[in-house]
Structure formats: C-alpha cells, structure tokens
C-alpha cells in the first residue's frame, strides 16, 4: 500500500518447496524478506566428477569429440556439471544404472541426476554449493 511495500518478494516461490522454511521469518519491517534454510535441507560439499565421466565412457557413452550428429541424431546428450561430455544411445538404461549405483553407495549420495526426455539430455551435478533436500525412496 502506502508504505511502498511489495508483496511479491515476501512470498515463497514454488521452486523453494522443501528448501526454504515457509514459517520462520522475522516480524516487522523485514517480514518475509529474510528466508531461512529448512530444517532437513543441506548444502552440498561436492565431489570429483572424473570417476562418473570415466564410468559412463566405459558404459558405451560416445565422447563428444567422436560424435557425429548425422549418424546418430536421436542420441541423448550427457552433461557433467554443465559441461557436455558425450552422448548415449540408451539413456533410460544409463540413468537406471547410475541411480542404482548412487542408491547402493558406490557413487556419492550428493550427486544430482536429471533426465530431460523432451530435450534428450541427461545432466549430472557433483559440484559444491547446491542446496539439497532429502528424497526418500520407498
């Protein structure tokens, strides 16, 4: 209203679910502007990306230098920490294998795996500083 307070910066965005506490905020002038980390949330410390790239090249991942788009136009791009490292023909099997290795403790539990079927991309993040929340597999 009259004080020039905007409501939008004080509201939580949908992407903050599980990462930012919806209730813990100071009263008064800064109400809603200070956002606190959720109780179950943590910040990743990071791990080396070399072993996962090596593992995938042993599992039929074609390196980017050897990739010819004309021969294999439907291949899934593989990214490690935002860097395009190669392509793979059977992304569904690759994702399932990497998920299983992460769940049984062979790979770091902090490793984030994202498969984008529409854009044919498989993204793996191992870097530090990512805000993460637990995901329980039942």
C-alpha atoms as a PDB file:
ATOM      1  CA  UNK A   1       0.000   0.000   0.000  1.00  0.00           C
ATOM      2  CA  UNK A   2       1.102   3.447   1.046  1.00  0.00           C
ATOM      3  CA  UNK A   3       4.385   2.385   2.627  1.00  0.00           C
ATOM      4  CA  UNK A   4       5.664   1.112  -0.729  1.00  0.00           C
ATOM      5  CA  UNK A   5       5.930  -2.485   0.499  1.00  0.00           C
ATOM      6  CA  UNK A   6       5.805  -5.022  -2.298  1.00  0.00           C
ATOM      7  CA  UNK A   7       4.155  -8.367  -1.623  1.00  0.00           C
ATOM      8  CA  UNK A   8       5.911 -10.398  -4.334  1.00  0.00           C
ATOM      9  CA  UNK A   9       9.440 -10.506  -2.795  1.00  0.00           C
ATOM     10  CA  UNK A  10       7.902 -11.590   0.510  1.00  0.00           C
ATOM     11  CA  UNK A  11       6.194 -14.670  -0.924  1.00  0.00           C
ATOM     12  CA  UNK A  12       7.823 -18.058  -1.414  1.00  0.00           C
ATOM     13  CA  UNK A  13       8.221 -19.296  -4.969  1.00  0.00           C
ATOM     14  CA  UNK A  14       7.061 -22.833  -5.832  1.00  0.00           C
ATOM     15  CA  UNK A  15      10.648 -23.908  -6.526  1.00  0.00           C
ATOM     16  CA  UNK A  16      11.550 -23.166  -2.871  1.00  0.00           C
ATOM     17  CA  UNK A  17       9.459 -26.125  -1.657  1.00  0.00           C
ATOM     18  CA  UNK A  18      11.469 -28.130   0.876  1.00  0.00           C
ATOM     19  CA  UNK A  19      14.458 -25.776   0.681  1.00  0.00           C
ATOM     20  CA  UNK A  20      13.219 -22.585   2.387  1.00  0.00           C
ATOM     21  CA  UNK A  21      11.238 -22.579   5.630  1.00  0.00           C
ATOM     22  CA  UNK A  22       7.738 -21.144   4.985  1.00  0.00           C
ATOM     23  CA  UNK A  23       7.155 -20.187   8.644  1.00  0.00           C
ATOM     24  CA  UNK A  24      10.461 -18.881  10.041  1.00  0.00           C
ATOM     25  CA  UNK A  25      10.688 -15.166   9.273  1.00  0.00           C
ATOM     26  CA  UNK A  26      11.261 -12.055  11.388  1.00  0.00           C
ATOM     27  CA  UNK A  27       8.391  -9.779  12.344  1.00  0.00           C
ATOM     28  CA  UNK A  28       8.157  -6.118  11.458  1.00  0.00           C
ATOM     29  CA  UNK A  29       9.794  -4.334   8.530  1.00  0.00           C
ATOM     30  CA  UNK A  30      11.742  -7.352   7.186  1.00  0.00           C
ATOM     31  CA  UNK A  31       8.827  -9.792   7.449  1.00  0.00           C
ATOM     32  CA  UNK A  32       9.069 -12.254   4.560  1.00  0.00           C
ATOM     33  CA  UNK A  33      12.280 -10.796   3.153  1.00  0.00           C
ATOM     34  CA  UNK A  34      14.638 -12.908   5.270  1.00  0.00           C
ATOM     35  CA  UNK A  35      14.415 -16.523   4.161  1.00  0.00           C
ATOM     36  CA  UNK A  36      15.865 -19.364   6.244  1.00  0.00           C
ATOM     37  CA  UNK A  37      17.040 -22.809   5.182  1.00  0.00           C
ATOM     38  CA  UNK A  38      14.604 -25.616   6.005  1.00  0.00           C
ATOM     39  CA  UNK A  39      15.448 -27.962   8.843  1.00  0.00           C
ATOM     40  CA  UNK A  40      16.093 -31.027   6.629  1.00  0.00           C
ATOM     41  CA  UNK A  41      17.886 -29.049   3.922  1.00  0.00           C
ATOM     42  CA  UNK A  42      21.682 -29.047   3.460  1.00  0.00           C
ATOM     43  CA  UNK A  43      24.332 -27.580   1.161  1.00  0.00           C
ATOM     44  CA  UNK A  44      26.426 -29.988  -0.927  1.00  0.00           C
ATOM     45  CA  UNK A  45      30.178 -30.137  -0.335  1.00  0.00           C
ATOM     46  CA  UNK A  46      30.905 -31.512  -3.807  1.00  0.00           C
ATOM     47  CA  UNK A  47      32.824 -34.489  -5.149  1.00  0.00           C
ATOM     48  CA  UNK A  48      35.139 -35.258  -8.043  1.00  0.00           C
ATOM     49  CA  UNK A  49      33.381 -35.525 -11.426  1.00  0.00           C
ATOM     50  CA  UNK A  50      36.173 -37.549 -13.046  1.00  0.00           C
ATOM     51  CA  UNK A  51      35.076 -41.030 -11.916  1.00  0.00           C
ATOM     52  CA  UNK A  52      31.490 -40.623 -13.173  1.00  0.00           C
ATOM     53  CA  UNK A  53      32.643 -39.437 -16.609  1.00  0.00           C
ATOM     54  CA  UNK A  54      35.080 -42.367 -16.784  1.00  0.00           C
ATOM     55  CA  UNK A  55      32.356 -44.794 -15.686  1.00  0.00           C
ATOM     56  CA  UNK A  56      29.969 -43.599 -18.396  1.00  0.00           C
ATOM     57  CA  UNK A  57      32.593 -43.809 -21.130  1.00  0.00           C
ATOM     58  CA  UNK A  58      33.067 -47.461 -20.108  1.00  0.00           C
ATOM     59  CA  UNK A  59      29.275 -47.911 -20.411  1.00  0.00           C
ATOM     60  CA  UNK A  60      29.086 -47.062 -24.143  1.00  0.00           C
ATOM     61  CA  UNK A  61      28.966 -43.288 -23.825  1.00  0.00           C
ATOM     62  CA  UNK A  62      30.310 -41.810 -27.034  1.00  0.00           C
ATOM     63  CA  UNK A  63      32.690 -38.923 -26.330  1.00  0.00           C
ATOM     64  CA  UNK A  64      31.766 -35.524 -27.719  1.00  0.00           C
ATOM     65  CA  UNK A  65      34.873 -35.398 -29.941  1.00  0.00           C
ATOM     66  CA  UNK A  66      33.804 -38.637 -31.683  1.00  0.00           C
ATOM     67  CA  UNK A  67      30.103 -37.765 -32.018  1.00  0.00           C
ATOM     68  CA  UNK A  68      28.572 -37.315 -35.481  1.00  0.00           C
ATOM     69  CA  UNK A  69      25.027 -35.955 -35.334  1.00  0.00           C
ATOM     70  CA  UNK A  70      24.191 -37.206 -38.839  1.00  0.00           C
ATOM     71  CA  UNK A  71      24.888 -40.824 -37.884  1.00  0.00           C
ATOM     72  CA  UNK A  72      23.127 -40.710 -34.521  1.00  0.00           C
ATOM     73  CA  UNK A  73      20.548 -37.869 -34.368  1.00  0.00           C
ATOM     74  CA  UNK A  74      18.435 -39.412 -31.562  1.00  0.00           C
ATOM     75  CA  UNK A  75      21.246 -39.825 -29.023  1.00  0.00           C
ATOM     76  CA  UNK A  76      20.873 -38.333 -25.551  1.00  0.00           C
ATOM     77  CA  UNK A  77      23.371 -35.622 -24.588  1.00  0.00           C
ATOM     78  CA  UNK A  78      25.264 -36.253 -21.345  1.00  0.00           C
ATOM     79  CA  UNK A  79      26.315 -33.259 -19.225  1.00  0.00           C
ATOM     80  CA  UNK A  80      28.555 -33.373 -16.140  1.00  0.00           C
ATOM     81  CA  UNK A  81      28.475 -30.171 -14.060  1.00  0.00           C
ATOM     82  CA  UNK A  82      27.117 -28.253 -17.049  1.00  0.00           C
ATOM     83  CA  UNK A  83      29.787 -29.450 -19.500  1.00  0.00           C
ATOM     84  CA  UNK A  84      28.676 -31.529 -22.485  1.00  0.00           C
ATOM     85  CA  UNK A  85      30.930 -34.605 -22.298  1.00  0.00           C
ATOM     86  CA  UNK A  86      29.266 -37.044 -24.693  1.00  0.00           C
ATOM     87  CA  UNK A  87      26.154 -38.814 -25.949  1.00  0.00           C
ATOM     88  CA  UNK A  88      24.500 -42.141 -25.178  1.00  0.00           C
ATOM     89  CA  UNK A  89      22.086 -44.265 -27.215  1.00  0.00           C
ATOM     90  CA  UNK A  90      20.230 -45.912 -24.320  1.00  0.00           C
ATOM     91  CA  UNK A  91      19.641 -43.130 -21.789  1.00  0.00           C
ATOM     92  CA  UNK A  92      16.941 -44.995 -19.873  1.00  0.00           C
ATOM     93  CA  UNK A  93      19.314 -47.847 -19.050  1.00  0.00           C
ATOM     94  CA  UNK A  94      22.173 -45.437 -18.241  1.00  0.00           C
ATOM     95  CA  UNK A  95      20.022 -43.390 -15.836  1.00  0.00           C
ATOM     96  CA  UNK A  96      18.759 -46.544 -14.096  1.00  0.00           C
ATOM     97  CA  UNK A  97      22.328 -47.829 -13.669  1.00  0.00           C
ATOM     98  CA  UNK A  98      23.653 -44.541 -12.260  1.00  0.00           C
ATOM     99  CA  UNK A  99      20.640 -44.237  -9.909  1.00  0.00           C
ATOM    100  CA  UNK A 100      21.219 -47.769  -8.620  1.00  0.00           C
ATOM    101  CA  UNK A 101      24.920 -47.061  -8.008  1.00  0.00           C
ATOM    102  CA  UNK A 102      24.036 -43.885  -6.117  1.00  0.00           C
ATOM    103  CA  UNK A 103      21.412 -45.680  -4.006  1.00  0.00           C
ATOM    104  CA  UNK A 104      23.724 -48.535  -3.008  1.00  0.00           C
ATOM    105  CA  UNK A 105      26.507 -46.116  -2.010  1.00  0.00           C
ATOM    106  CA  UNK A 106      29.003 -46.717  -4.823  1.00  0.00           C
ATOM    107  CA  UNK A 107      28.514 -43.132  -6.021  1.00  0.00           C
ATOM    108  CA  UNK A 108      28.103 -40.091  -3.775  1.00  0.00           C
ATOM    109  CA  UNK A 109      24.599 -39.545  -2.395  1.00  0.00           C
ATOM    110  CA  UNK A 110      25.038 -35.826  -3.144  1.00  0.00           C
ATOM    111  CA  UNK A 111      25.164 -36.459  -6.891  1.00  0.00           C
ATOM    112  CA  UNK A 112      22.135 -34.911  -8.647  1.00  0.00           C
ATOM    113  CA  UNK A 113      20.729 -36.763 -11.667  1.00  0.00           C
ATOM    114  CA  UNK A 114      18.324 -35.052 -14.063  1.00  0.00           C
ATOM    115  CA  UNK A 115      16.931 -36.688 -17.187  1.00  0.00           C
ATOM    116  CA  UNK A 116      15.121 -34.399 -19.616  1.00  0.00           C
ATOM    117  CA  UNK A 117      13.302 -36.692 -22.044  1.00  0.00           C
ATOM    118  CA  UNK A 118      11.923 -33.886 -24.220  1.00  0.00           C
ATOM    119  CA  UNK A 119      15.310 -32.236 -24.832  1.00  0.00           C
ATOM    120  CA  UNK A 120      17.123 -35.626 -24.802  1.00  0.00           C
ATOM    121  CA  UNK A 121      19.556 -34.586 -22.063  1.00  0.00           C
ATOM    122  CA  UNK A 122      20.973 -36.348 -19.010  1.00  0.00           C
ATOM    123  CA  UNK A 123      22.545 -33.940 -16.510  1.00  0.00           C
ATOM    124  CA  UNK A 124      24.764 -34.950 -13.599  1.00  0.00           C
ATOM    125  CA  UNK A 125      25.852 -32.433 -10.970  1.00  0.00           C
ATOM    126  CA  UNK A 126      28.594 -33.136  -8.409  1.00  0.00           C
ATOM    127  CA  UNK A 127      29.728 -29.578  -7.623  1.00  0.00           C
ATOM    128  CA  UNK A 128      29.650 -27.841  -4.247  1.00  0.00           C
ATOM    129  CA  UNK A 129      27.174 -25.215  -3.065  1.00  0.00           C
ATOM    130  CA  UNK A 130      23.923 -26.786  -4.274  1.00  0.00           C
ATOM    131  CA  UNK A 131      21.018 -26.524  -1.833  1.00  0.00           C
ATOM    132  CA  UNK A 132      19.615 -30.034  -1.462  1.00  0.00           C
ATOM    133  CA  UNK A 133      16.789 -31.757   0.389  1.00  0.00           C
ATOM    134  CA  UNK A 134      16.345 -35.438   1.190  1.00  0.00           C
ATOM    135  CA  UNK A 135      14.296 -37.630  -1.108  1.00  0.00           C
ATOM    136  CA  UNK A 136      13.140 -40.861   0.453  1.00  0.00           C
ATOM    137  CA  UNK A 137      12.666 -43.811  -1.915  1.00  0.00           C
ATOM    138  CA  UNK A 138      10.104 -46.219  -0.506  1.00  0.00           C
END
